[in-house]
Amino acid sequence: MAASKIKKGDSVVVLSGKDKGRTGTVAKVMPKEGKIIVEGVNVAARHRKPTQANPQGGIDRNPAPMSIAKVALADPKDGKPTRVRFEEKDGKKVRVAVKSGETIDG
């Protein structure tokens, strides 16, 4: 299996959908489903009835999974979306932003 180009903790830009153009940090990656959860993006509101555990009830807002194809890594230099390639530096495989050539990790 190929190495993932987007990892937990990365800063990403949403490319399409209702949150197009927004940026956020990756909270979870689900490679088998091809989904990703980004903090503060694609937030789903769930109305909760009052229960004994939660007597107040109310609205829970949580980020919902979205397709990994809808996001691109944010360039470390200017924050705009960029593609990612892998290079070997000092015997280590590192991710590099295609747009600026900046190393993303390591």
PDB file of N, CA and C in Angstrom:
ATOM      1  N   MET A   1       0.837  -1.183   0.000  1.00  0.00           N
ATOM      2  CA  MET A   1       0.000   0.000   0.000  1.00  0.00           C
ATOM      3  C   MET A   1       0.881   1.245   0.000  1.00  0.00           C
ATOM      4  N   ALA A   2       0.515   2.242  -0.778  1.00  0.00           N
ATOM      5  CA  ALA A   2       1.299   3.473  -0.897  1.00  0.00           C
ATOM      6  C   ALA A   2       1.203   4.300   0.377  1.00  0.00           C
ATOM      7  N   ALA A   3       2.232   5.088   0.637  1.00  0.00           N
ATOM      8  CA  ALA A   3       2.236   5.965   1.801  1.00  0.00           C
ATOM      9  C   ALA A   3       1.178   7.050   1.631  1.00  0.00           C
ATOM     10  N   SER A   4       0.541   7.412   2.734  1.00  0.00           N
ATOM     11  CA  SER A   4      -0.507   8.423   2.679  1.00  0.00           C
ATOM     12  C   SER A   4       0.095   9.808   2.502  1.00  0.00           C
ATOM     13  N   LYS A   5      -0.518  10.614   1.654  1.00  0.00           N
ATOM     14  CA  LYS A   5      -0.008  11.958   1.408  1.00  0.00           C
ATOM     15  C   LYS A   5      -0.548  12.960   2.417  1.00  0.00           C
ATOM     16  N   ILE A   6      -1.668  12.641   3.063  1.00  0.00           N
ATOM     17  CA  ILE A   6      -2.224  13.508   4.097  1.00  0.00           C
ATOM     18  C   ILE A   6      -2.273  12.713   5.393  1.00  0.00           C
ATOM     19  N   LYS A   7      -1.742  13.319   6.457  1.00  0.00           N
ATOM     20  CA  LYS A   7      -1.658  12.643   7.746  1.00  0.00           C
ATOM     21  C   LYS A   7      -2.335  13.474   8.831  1.00  0.00           C
ATOM     22  N   LYS A   8      -2.581  12.838   9.971  1.00  0.00           N
ATOM     23  CA  LYS A   8      -3.172  13.514  11.123  1.00  0.00           C
ATOM     24  C   LYS A   8      -2.274  14.681  11.543  1.00  0.00           C
ATOM     25  N   GLY A   9      -2.895  15.826  11.806  1.00  0.00           N
ATOM     26  CA  GLY A   9      -2.140  17.000  12.239  1.00  0.00           C
ATOM     27  C   GLY A   9      -1.747  17.945  11.114  1.00  0.00           C
ATOM     28  N   ASP A  10      -1.934  17.513   9.857  1.00  0.00           N
ATOM     29  CA  ASP A  10      -1.611  18.367   8.706  1.00  0.00           C
ATOM     30  C   ASP A  10      -2.630  19.495   8.578  1.00  0.00           C
ATOM     31  N   SER A  11      -2.192  20.596   8.007  1.00  0.00           N
ATOM     32  CA  SER A  11      -3.088  21.704   7.678  1.00  0.00           C
ATOM     33  C   SER A  11      -3.554  21.504   6.245  1.00  0.00           C
ATOM     34  N   VAL A  12      -4.877  21.505   6.039  1.00  0.00           N
ATOM     35  CA  VAL A  12      -5.426  21.248   4.709  1.00  0.00           C
ATOM     36  C   VAL A  12      -6.397  22.351   4.293  1.00  0.00           C
ATOM     37  N   VAL A  13      -6.624  22.454   2.968  1.00  0.00           N
ATOM     38  CA  VAL A  13      -7.560  23.405   2.385  1.00  0.00           C
ATOM     39  C   VAL A  13      -8.654  22.608   1.695  1.00  0.00           C
ATOM     40  N   VAL A  14      -9.931  22.985   1.917  1.00  0.00           N
ATOM     41  CA  VAL A  14     -11.061  22.306   1.287  1.00  0.00           C
ATOM     42  C   VAL A  14     -11.204  22.826  -0.141  1.00  0.00           C
ATOM     43  N   LEU A  15     -11.276  21.904  -1.108  1.00  0.00           N
ATOM     44  CA  LEU A  15     -11.315  22.266  -2.522  1.00  0.00           C
ATOM     45  C   LEU A  15     -12.719  22.382  -3.089  1.00  0.00           C
ATOM     46  N   SER A  16     -13.685  21.659  -2.515  1.00  0.00           N
ATOM     47  CA  SER A  16     -15.040  21.700  -3.064  1.00  0.00           C
ATOM     48  C   SER A  16     -16.067  21.471  -1.968  1.00  0.00           C
ATOM     49  N   GLY A  17     -17.305  21.831  -2.273  1.00  0.00           N
ATOM     50  CA  GLY A  17     -18.393  21.632  -1.323  1.00  0.00           C
ATOM     51  C   GLY A  17     -18.753  22.920  -0.607  1.00  0.00           C
ATOM     52  N   LYS A  18     -19.596  22.800   0.424  1.00  0.00           N
ATOM     53  CA  LYS A  18     -20.101  23.989   1.134  1.00  0.00           C
ATOM     54  C   LYS A  18     -19.014  24.729   1.900  1.00  0.00           C
ATOM     55  N   ASP A  19     -17.926  24.060   2.248  1.00  0.00           N
ATOM     56  CA  ASP A  19     -16.833  24.680   3.000  1.00  0.00           C
ATOM     57  C   ASP A  19     -15.630  25.014   2.121  1.00  0.00           C
ATOM     58  N   LYS A  20     -15.848  25.151   0.821  1.00  0.00           N
ATOM     59  CA  LYS A  20     -14.761  25.416  -0.121  1.00  0.00           C
ATOM     60  C   LYS A  20     -13.944  26.635   0.301  1.00  0.00           C
ATOM     61  N   GLY A  21     -12.607  26.462   0.304  1.00  0.00           N
ATOM     62  CA  GLY A  21     -11.713  27.552   0.647  1.00  0.00           C
ATOM     63  C   GLY A  21     -11.330  27.610   2.112  1.00  0.00           C
ATOM     64  N   ARG A  22     -12.044  26.904   2.974  1.00  0.00           N
ATOM     65  CA  ARG A  22     -11.726  26.920   4.401  1.00  0.00           C
ATOM     66  C   ARG A  22     -10.539  26.021   4.695  1.00  0.00           C
ATOM     67  N   THR A  23      -9.802  26.367   5.730  1.00  0.00           N
ATOM     68  CA  THR A  23      -8.645  25.567   6.133  1.00  0.00           C
ATOM     69  C   THR A  23      -8.899  24.996   7.516  1.00  0.00           C
ATOM     70  N   GLY A  24      -8.231  23.902   7.811  1.00  0.00           N
ATOM     71  CA  GLY A  24      -8.358  23.270   9.111  1.00  0.00           C
ATOM     72  C   GLY A  24      -7.271  22.235   9.310  1.00  0.00           C
ATOM     73  N   THR A  25      -7.237  21.686  10.507  1.00  0.00           N
ATOM     74  CA  THR A  25      -6.262  20.664  10.863  1.00  0.00           C
ATOM     75  C   THR A  25      -6.913  19.297  10.813  1.00  0.00           C
ATOM     76  N   VAL A  26      -6.204  18.323  10.277  1.00  0.00           N
ATOM     77  CA  VAL A  26      -6.729  16.961  10.158  1.00  0.00           C
ATOM     78  C   VAL A  26      -6.786  16.327  11.548  1.00  0.00           C
ATOM     79  N   ALA A  27      -7.985  15.886  11.949  1.00  0.00           N
ATOM     80  CA  ALA A  27      -8.176  15.236  13.234  1.00  0.00           C
ATOM     81  C   ALA A  27      -8.050  13.719  13.107  1.00  0.00           C
ATOM     82  N   LYS A  28      -8.501  13.172  11.961  1.00  0.00           N
ATOM     83  CA  LYS A  28      -8.486  11.714  11.774  1.00  0.00           C
ATOM     84  C   LYS A  28      -8.480  11.404  10.290  1.00  0.00           C
ATOM     85  N   VAL A  29      -7.732  10.365   9.916  1.00  0.00           N
ATOM     86  CA  VAL A  29      -7.697   9.883   8.533  1.00  0.00           C
ATOM     87  C   VAL A  29      -8.171   8.442   8.531  1.00  0.00           C
ATOM     88  N   MET A  30      -9.108   8.135   7.615  1.00  0.00           N
ATOM     89  CA  MET A  30      -9.632   6.777   7.488  1.00  0.00           C
ATOM     90  C   MET A  30      -9.326   6.288   6.072  1.00  0.00           C
ATOM     91  N   PRO A  31      -8.120   5.739   5.842  1.00  0.00           N
ATOM     92  CA  PRO A  31      -7.698   5.402   4.481  1.00  0.00           C
ATOM     93  C   PRO A  31      -8.534   4.311   3.814  1.00  0.00           C
ATOM     94  N   LYS A  32      -9.047   3.362   4.585  1.00  0.00           N
ATOM     95  CA  LYS A  32      -9.845   2.287   3.978  1.00  0.00           C
ATOM     96  C   LYS A  32     -11.148   2.811   3.401  1.00  0.00           C
ATOM     97  N   GLU A  33     -11.746   3.814   4.073  1.00  0.00           N
ATOM     98  CA  GLU A  33     -13.000   4.403   3.586  1.00  0.00           C
ATOM     99  C   GLU A  33     -12.742   5.561   2.625  1.00  0.00           C
ATOM    100  N   GLY A  34     -11.506   6.050   2.575  1.00  0.00           N
ATOM    101  CA  GLY A  34     -11.182   7.211   1.750  1.00  0.00           C
ATOM    102  C   GLY A  34     -11.761   8.492   2.330  1.00  0.00           C
ATOM    103  N   LYS A  35     -11.881   8.542   3.662  1.00  0.00           N
ATOM    104  CA  LYS A  35     -12.494   9.681   4.347  1.00  0.00           C
ATOM    105  C   LYS A  35     -11.477  10.365   5.258  1.00  0.00           C
ATOM    106  N   ILE A  36     -11.826  11.604   5.620  1.00  0.00           N
ATOM    107  CA  ILE A  36     -10.969  12.397   6.480  1.00  0.00           C
ATOM    108  C   ILE A  36     -11.865  13.271   7.353  1.00  0.00           C
ATOM    109  N   ILE A  37     -11.439  13.549   8.596  1.00  0.00           N
ATOM    110  CA  ILE A  37     -12.162  14.462   9.473  1.00  0.00           C
ATOM    111  C   ILE A  37     -11.256  15.663   9.719  1.00  0.00           C
ATOM    112  N   VAL A  38     -11.775  16.860   9.395  1.00  0.00           N
ATOM    113  CA  VAL A  38     -11.027  18.101   9.566  1.00  0.00           C
ATOM    114  C   VAL A  38     -11.735  18.942  10.612  1.00  0.00           C
ATOM    115  N   GLU A  39     -10.982  19.420  11.609  1.00  0.00           N
ATOM    116  CA  GLU A  39     -11.563  20.206  12.696  1.00  0.00           C
ATOM    117  C   GLU A  39     -12.159  21.508  12.162  1.00  0.00           C
ATOM    118  N   GLY A  40     -13.408  21.783  12.542  1.00  0.00           N
ATOM    119  CA  GLY A  40     -14.070  23.021  12.169  1.00  0.00           C
ATOM    120  C   GLY A  40     -14.623  23.070  10.757  1.00  0.00           C
ATOM    121  N   VAL A  41     -14.532  21.958  10.030  1.00  0.00           N
ATOM    122  CA  VAL A  41     -15.005  21.910   8.647  1.00  0.00           C
ATOM    123  C   VAL A  41     -16.008  20.770   8.520  1.00  0.00           C
ATOM    124  N   ASN A  42     -17.052  20.961   7.706  1.00  0.00           N
ATOM    125  CA  ASN A  42     -18.103  19.955   7.507  1.00  0.00           C
ATOM    126  C   ASN A  42     -18.749  19.571   8.842  1.00  0.00           C
ATOM    127  N   VAL A  43     -19.148  20.583   9.597  1.00  0.00           N
ATOM    128  CA  VAL A  43     -19.719  20.372  10.924  1.00  0.00           C
ATOM    129  C   VAL A  43     -21.185  19.986  10.799  1.00  0.00           C
ATOM    130  N   ALA A  44     -21.543  18.868  11.437  1.00  0.00           N
ATOM    131  CA  ALA A  44     -22.924  18.382  11.432  1.00  0.00           C
ATOM    132  C   ALA A  44     -23.558  18.691  12.784  1.00  0.00           C
ATOM    133  N   ALA A  45     -24.773  19.247  12.761  1.00  0.00           N
ATOM    134  CA  ALA A  45     -25.496  19.561  13.992  1.00  0.00           C
ATOM    135  C   ALA A  45     -26.487  18.432  14.279  1.00  0.00           C
ATOM    136  N   ARG A  46     -26.482  17.972  15.508  1.00  0.00           N
ATOM    137  CA  ARG A  46     -27.392  16.900  15.905  1.00  0.00           C
ATOM    138  C   ARG A  46     -28.213  17.385  17.092  1.00  0.00           C
ATOM    139  N   HIS A  47     -29.527  17.369  16.945  1.00  0.00           N
ATOM    140  CA  HIS A  47     -30.412  17.832  18.002  1.00  0.00           C
ATOM    141  C   HIS A  47     -30.649  16.695  18.982  1.00  0.00           C
ATOM    142  N   ARG A  48     -30.347  16.945  20.260  1.00  0.00           N
ATOM    143  CA  ARG A  48     -30.460  15.922  21.297  1.00  0.00           C
ATOM    144  C   ARG A  48     -31.627  16.237  22.231  1.00  0.00           C
ATOM    145  N   LYS A  49     -32.438  15.214  22.515  1.00  0.00           N
ATOM    146  CA  LYS A  49     -33.515  15.360  23.492  1.00  0.00           C
ATOM    147  C   LYS A  49     -32.899  15.340  24.892  1.00  0.00           C
ATOM    148  N   PRO A  50     -33.540  15.987  25.847  1.00  0.00           N
ATOM    149  CA  PRO A  50     -33.052  15.880  27.222  1.00  0.00           C
ATOM    150  C   PRO A  50     -33.158  14.434  27.724  1.00  0.00           C
ATOM    151  N   THR A  51     -32.114  13.977  28.386  1.00  0.00           N
ATOM    152  CA  THR A  51     -32.088  12.637  28.981  1.00  0.00           C
ATOM    153  C   THR A  51     -31.616  12.769  30.423  1.00  0.00           C
ATOM    154  N   GLN A  52     -31.585  11.658  31.157  1.00  0.00           N
ATOM    155  CA  GLN A  52     -31.075  11.713  32.528  1.00  0.00           C
ATOM    156  C   GLN A  52     -29.589  12.067  32.539  1.00  0.00           C
ATOM    157  N   ALA A  53     -28.859  11.549  31.571  1.00  0.00           N
ATOM    158  CA  ALA A  53     -27.429  11.840  31.495  1.00  0.00           C
ATOM    159  C   ALA A  53     -27.185  13.288  31.078  1.00  0.00           C
ATOM    160  N   ASN A  54     -28.051  13.815  30.198  1.00  0.00           N
ATOM    161  CA  ASN A  54     -27.922  15.187  29.702  1.00  0.00           C
ATOM    162  C   ASN A  54     -29.286  15.871  29.842  1.00  0.00           C
ATOM    163  N   PRO A  55     -29.615  16.374  31.057  1.00  0.00           N
ATOM    164  CA  PRO A  55     -30.953  16.924  31.270  1.00  0.00           C
ATOM    165  C   PRO A  55     -31.245  18.190  30.460  1.00  0.00           C
ATOM    166  N   GLN A  56     -30.222  18.898  30.045  1.00  0.00           N
ATOM    167  CA  GLN A  56     -30.404  20.133  29.281  1.00  0.00           C
ATOM    168  C   GLN A  56     -30.796  19.853  27.835  1.00  0.00           C
ATOM    169  N   GLY A  57     -30.252  18.763  27.258  1.00  0.00           N
ATOM    170  CA  GLY A  57     -30.477  18.497  25.842  1.00  0.00           C
ATOM    171  C   GLY A  57     -29.663  19.483  25.023  1.00  0.00           C
ATOM    172  N   GLY A  58     -30.143  19.854  23.833  1.00  0.00           N
ATOM    173  CA  GLY A  58     -29.455  20.873  23.045  1.00  0.00           C
ATOM    174  C   GLY A  58     -28.955  20.350  21.712  1.00  0.00           C
ATOM    175  N   ILE A  59     -28.071  21.123  21.107  1.00  0.00           N
ATOM    176  CA  ILE A  59     -27.537  20.796  19.785  1.00  0.00           C
ATOM    177  C   ILE A  59     -26.058  20.467  19.901  1.00  0.00           C
ATOM    178  N   ASP A  60     -25.685  19.264  19.446  1.00  0.00           N
ATOM    179  CA  ASP A  60     -24.279  18.855  19.409  1.00  0.00           C
ATOM    180  C   ASP A  60     -23.737  19.135  18.024  1.00  0.00           C
ATOM    181  N   ARG A  61     -22.614  19.820  17.951  1.00  0.00           N
ATOM    182  CA  ARG A  61     -21.977  20.098  16.657  1.00  0.00           C
ATOM    183  C   ARG A  61     -20.646  19.369  16.609  1.00  0.00           C
ATOM    184  N   ASN A  62     -20.519  18.438  15.671  1.00  0.00           N
ATOM    185  CA  ASN A  62     -19.300  17.657  15.512  1.00  0.00           C
ATOM    186  C   ASN A  62     -18.893  17.618  14.049  1.00  0.00           C
ATOM    187  N   PRO A  63     -17.583  17.635  13.777  1.00  0.00           N
ATOM    188  CA  PRO A  63     -17.145  17.523  12.382  1.00  0.00           C
ATOM    189  C   PRO A  63     -17.446  16.130  11.836  1.00  0.00           C
ATOM    190  N   ALA A  64     -18.019  16.076  10.647  1.00  0.00           N
ATOM    191  CA  ALA A  64     -18.370  14.811  10.007  1.00  0.00           C
ATOM    192  C   ALA A  64     -17.282  14.434   9.008  1.00  0.00           C
ATOM    193  N   PRO A  65     -17.145  13.140   8.700  1.00  0.00           N
ATOM    194  CA  PRO A  65     -16.153  12.729   7.705  1.00  0.00           C
ATOM    195  C   PRO A  65     -16.484  13.286   6.324  1.00  0.00           C
ATOM    196  N   MET A  66     -15.441  13.570   5.561  1.00  0.00           N
ATOM    197  CA  MET A  66     -15.606  14.009   4.178  1.00  0.00           C
ATOM    198  C   MET A  66     -14.597  13.267   3.320  1.00  0.00           C
ATOM    199  N   SER A  67     -14.818  13.287   2.016  1.00  0.00           N
ATOM    200  CA  SER A  67     -13.931  12.584   1.105  1.00  0.00           C
ATOM    201  C   SER A  67     -12.542  13.201   1.129  1.00  0.00           C
ATOM    202  N   ILE A  68     -11.532  12.350   1.134  1.00  0.00           N
ATOM    203  CA  ILE A  68     -10.145  12.816   1.148  1.00  0.00           C
ATOM    204  C   ILE A  68      -9.799  13.529  -0.155  1.00  0.00           C
ATOM    205  N   ALA A  69     -10.582  13.265  -1.217  1.00  0.00           N
ATOM    206  CA  ALA A  69     -10.345  13.907  -2.507  1.00  0.00           C
ATOM    207  C   ALA A  69     -10.778  15.373  -2.498  1.00  0.00           C
ATOM    208  N   LYS A  70     -11.573  15.781  -1.511  1.00  0.00           N
ATOM    209  CA  LYS A  70     -12.053  17.161  -1.439  1.00  0.00           C
ATOM    210  C   LYS A  70     -11.072  18.103  -0.755  1.00  0.00           C
ATOM    211  N   VAL A  71      -9.967  17.574  -0.240  1.00  0.00           N
ATOM    212  CA  VAL A  71      -8.992  18.428   0.445  1.00  0.00           C
ATOM    213  C   VAL A  71      -7.615  18.297  -0.189  1.00  0.00           C
ATOM    214  N   ALA A  72      -6.826  19.348  -0.038  1.00  0.00           N
ATOM    215  CA  ALA A  72      -5.426  19.335  -0.478  1.00  0.00           C
ATOM    216  C   ALA A  72      -4.586  19.910   0.647  1.00  0.00           C
ATOM    217  N   LEU A  73      -3.381  19.450   0.749  1.00  0.00           N
ATOM    218  CA  LEU A  73      -2.466  19.934   1.761  1.00  0.00           C
ATOM    219  C   LEU A  73      -2.200  21.418   1.562  1.00  0.00           C
ATOM    220  N   ALA A  74      -2.135  22.186   2.652  1.00  0.00           N
ATOM    221  CA  ALA A  74      -1.830  23.616   2.561  1.00  0.00           C
ATOM    222  C   ALA A  74      -0.322  23.775   2.455  1.00  0.00           C
ATOM    223  N   ASP A  75       0.128  24.585   1.500  1.00  0.00           N
ATOM    224  CA  ASP A  75       1.547  24.838   1.300  1.00  0.00           C
ATOM    225  C   ASP A  75       2.113  25.523   2.546  1.00  0.00           C
ATOM    226  N   PRO A  76       3.235  25.030   3.091  1.00  0.00           N
ATOM    227  CA  PRO A  76       3.808  25.646   4.297  1.00  0.00           C
ATOM    228  C   PRO A  76       4.224  27.102   4.079  1.00  0.00           C
ATOM    229  N   LYS A  77       4.483  27.481   2.843  1.00  0.00           N
ATOM    230  CA  LYS A  77       4.956  28.834   2.545  1.00  0.00           C
ATOM    231  C   LYS A  77       3.825  29.864   2.535  1.00  0.00           C
ATOM    232  N   ASP A  78       2.741  29.575   1.786  1.00  0.00           N
ATOM    233  CA  ASP A  78       1.694  30.578   1.635  1.00  0.00           C
ATOM    234  C   ASP A  78       0.292  30.102   2.031  1.00  0.00           C
ATOM    235  N   GLY A  79       0.125  28.845   2.419  1.00  0.00           N
ATOM    236  CA  GLY A  79      -1.173  28.347   2.869  1.00  0.00           C
ATOM    237  C   GLY A  79      -2.134  27.980   1.767  1.00  0.00           C
ATOM    238  N   LYS A  80      -1.717  28.099   0.513  1.00  0.00           N
ATOM    239  CA  LYS A  80      -2.577  27.737  -0.610  1.00  0.00           C
ATOM    240  C   LYS A  80      -2.480  26.233  -0.854  1.00  0.00           C
ATOM    241  N   PRO A  81      -3.493  25.634  -1.543  1.00  0.00           N
ATOM    242  CA  PRO A  81      -3.455  24.188  -1.775  1.00  0.00           C
ATOM    243  C   PRO A  81      -2.300  23.780  -2.681  1.00  0.00           C
ATOM    244  N   THR A  82      -1.719  22.620  -2.379  1.00  0.00           N
ATOM    245  CA  THR A  82      -0.621  22.100  -3.187  1.00  0.00           C
ATOM    246  C   THR A  82      -0.705  20.584  -3.249  1.00  0.00           C
ATOM    247  N   ARG A  83      -0.111  20.017  -4.296  1.00  0.00           N
ATOM    248  CA  ARG A  83       0.020  18.569  -4.374  1.00  0.00           C
ATOM    249  C   ARG A  83       1.261  18.166  -3.586  1.00  0.00           C
ATOM    250  N   VAL A  84       1.399  16.865  -3.378  1.00  0.00           N
ATOM    251  CA  VAL A  84       2.506  16.359  -2.571  1.00  0.00           C
ATOM    252  C   VAL A  84       3.258  15.298  -3.347  1.00  0.00           C
ATOM    253  N   ARG A  85       4.570  15.313  -3.246  1.00  0.00           N
ATOM    254  CA  ARG A  85       5.371  14.239  -3.814  1.00  0.00           C
ATOM    255  C   ARG A  85       6.328  13.760  -2.735  1.00  0.00           C
ATOM    256  N   PHE A  86       6.874  12.586  -2.954  1.00  0.00           N
ATOM    257  CA  PHE A  86       7.819  12.012  -2.012  1.00  0.00           C
ATOM    258  C   PHE A  86       9.220  12.097  -2.586  1.00  0.00           C
ATOM    259  N   GLU A  87      10.178  12.483  -1.746  1.00  0.00           N
ATOM    260  CA  GLU A  87      11.590  12.517  -2.119  1.00  0.00           C
ATOM    261  C   GLU A  87      12.388  11.856  -1.012  1.00  0.00           C
ATOM    262  N   GLU A  88      13.593  11.446  -1.360  1.00  0.00           N
ATOM    263  CA  GLU A  88      14.468  10.854  -0.368  1.00  0.00           C
ATOM    264  C   GLU A  88      15.553  11.861  -0.026  1.00  0.00           C
ATOM    265  N   LYS A  89      15.608  12.260   1.244  1.00  0.00           N
ATOM    266  CA  LYS A  89      16.625  13.195   1.718  1.00  0.00           C
ATOM    267  C   LYS A  89      17.321  12.572   2.914  1.00  0.00           C
ATOM    268  N   ASP A  90      18.638  12.496   2.839  1.00  0.00           N
ATOM    269  CA  ASP A  90      19.455  11.900   3.912  1.00  0.00           C
ATOM    270  C   ASP A  90      18.998  10.484   4.249  1.00  0.00           C
ATOM    271  N   GLY A  91      18.610   9.725   3.222  1.00  0.00           N
ATOM    272  CA  GLY A  91      18.180   8.341   3.423  1.00  0.00           C
ATOM    273  C   GLY A  91      16.792   8.205   4.013  1.00  0.00           C
ATOM    274  N   LYS A  92      16.050   9.309   4.140  1.00  0.00           N
ATOM    275  CA  LYS A  92      14.697   9.275   4.680  1.00  0.00           C
ATOM    276  C   LYS A  92      13.708   9.709   3.620  1.00  0.00           C
ATOM    277  N   LYS A  93      12.542   9.080   3.605  1.00  0.00           N
ATOM    278  CA  LYS A  93      11.481   9.426   2.670  1.00  0.00           C
ATOM    279  C   LYS A  93      10.684  10.570   3.288  1.00  0.00           C
ATOM    280  N   VAL A  94      10.643  11.726   2.608  1.00  0.00           N
ATOM    281  CA  VAL A  94       9.942  12.892   3.131  1.00  0.00           C
ATOM    282  C   VAL A  94       8.915  13.392   2.126  1.00  0.00           C
ATOM    283  N   ARG A  95       7.905  14.091   2.646  1.00  0.00           N
ATOM    284  CA  ARG A  95       6.893  14.698   1.782  1.00  0.00           C
ATOM    285  C   ARG A  95       7.338  16.112   1.415  1.00  0.00           C
ATOM    286  N   VAL A  96       7.132  16.453   0.136  1.00  0.00           N
ATOM    287  CA  VAL A  96       7.551  17.757  -0.366  1.00  0.00           C
ATOM    288  C   VAL A  96       6.369  18.395  -1.084  1.00  0.00           C
ATOM    289  N   ALA A  97       6.139  19.693  -0.828  1.00  0.00           N
ATOM    290  CA  ALA A  97       5.087  20.431  -1.506  1.00  0.00           C
ATOM    291  C   ALA A  97       5.530  20.690  -2.947  1.00  0.00           C
ATOM    292  N   VAL A  98       4.695  20.322  -3.920  1.00  0.00           N
ATOM    293  CA  VAL A  98       5.041  20.468  -5.328  1.00  0.00           C
ATOM    294  C   VAL A  98       5.145  21.952  -5.699  1.00  0.00           C
ATOM    295  N   LYS A  99       4.238  22.791  -5.162  1.00  0.00           N
ATOM    296  CA  LYS A  99       4.179  24.199  -5.528  1.00  0.00           C
ATOM    297  C   LYS A  99       5.444  24.967  -5.147  1.00  0.00           C
ATOM    298  N   SER A 100       5.905  24.798  -3.895  1.00  0.00           N
ATOM    299  CA  SER A 100       7.029  25.609  -3.404  1.00  0.00           C
ATOM    300  C   SER A 100       8.328  24.829  -3.238  1.00  0.00           C
ATOM    301  N   GLY A 101       8.240  23.500  -3.201  1.00  0.00           N
ATOM    302  CA  GLY A 101       9.425  22.684  -2.975  1.00  0.00           C
ATOM    303  C   GLY A 101       9.809  22.564  -1.512  1.00  0.00           C
ATOM    304  N   GLU A 102       8.975  23.090  -0.610  1.00  0.00           N
ATOM    305  CA  GLU A 102       9.233  23.025   0.832  1.00  0.00           C
ATOM    306  C   GLU A 102       9.019  21.608   1.354  1.00  0.00           C
ATOM    307  N   THR A 103       9.860  21.197   2.298  1.00  0.00           N
ATOM    308  CA  THR A 103       9.685  19.915   2.950  1.00  0.00           C
ATOM    309  C   THR A 103       8.577  20.045   3.986  1.00  0.00           C
ATOM    310  N   ILE A 104       7.644  19.081   3.986  1.00  0.00           N
ATOM    311  CA  ILE A 104       6.499  19.146   4.882  1.00  0.00           C
ATOM    312  C   ILE A 104       6.822  18.510   6.225  1.00  0.00           C
ATOM    313  N   ASP A 105       7.546  17.405   6.210  1.00  0.00           N
ATOM    314  CA  ASP A 105       7.930  16.770   7.465  1.00  0.00           C
ATOM    315  C   ASP A 105       9.357  16.267   7.384  1.00  0.00           C
ATOM    316  N   GLY A 106       9.992  16.195   8.541  1.00  0.00           N
ATOM    317  CA  GLY A 106      11.316  15.624   8.643  1.00  0.00           C
ATOM    318  C   GLY A 106      12.399  16.444   8.107  1.00  0.00           C
TER     319      GLY A 106
END
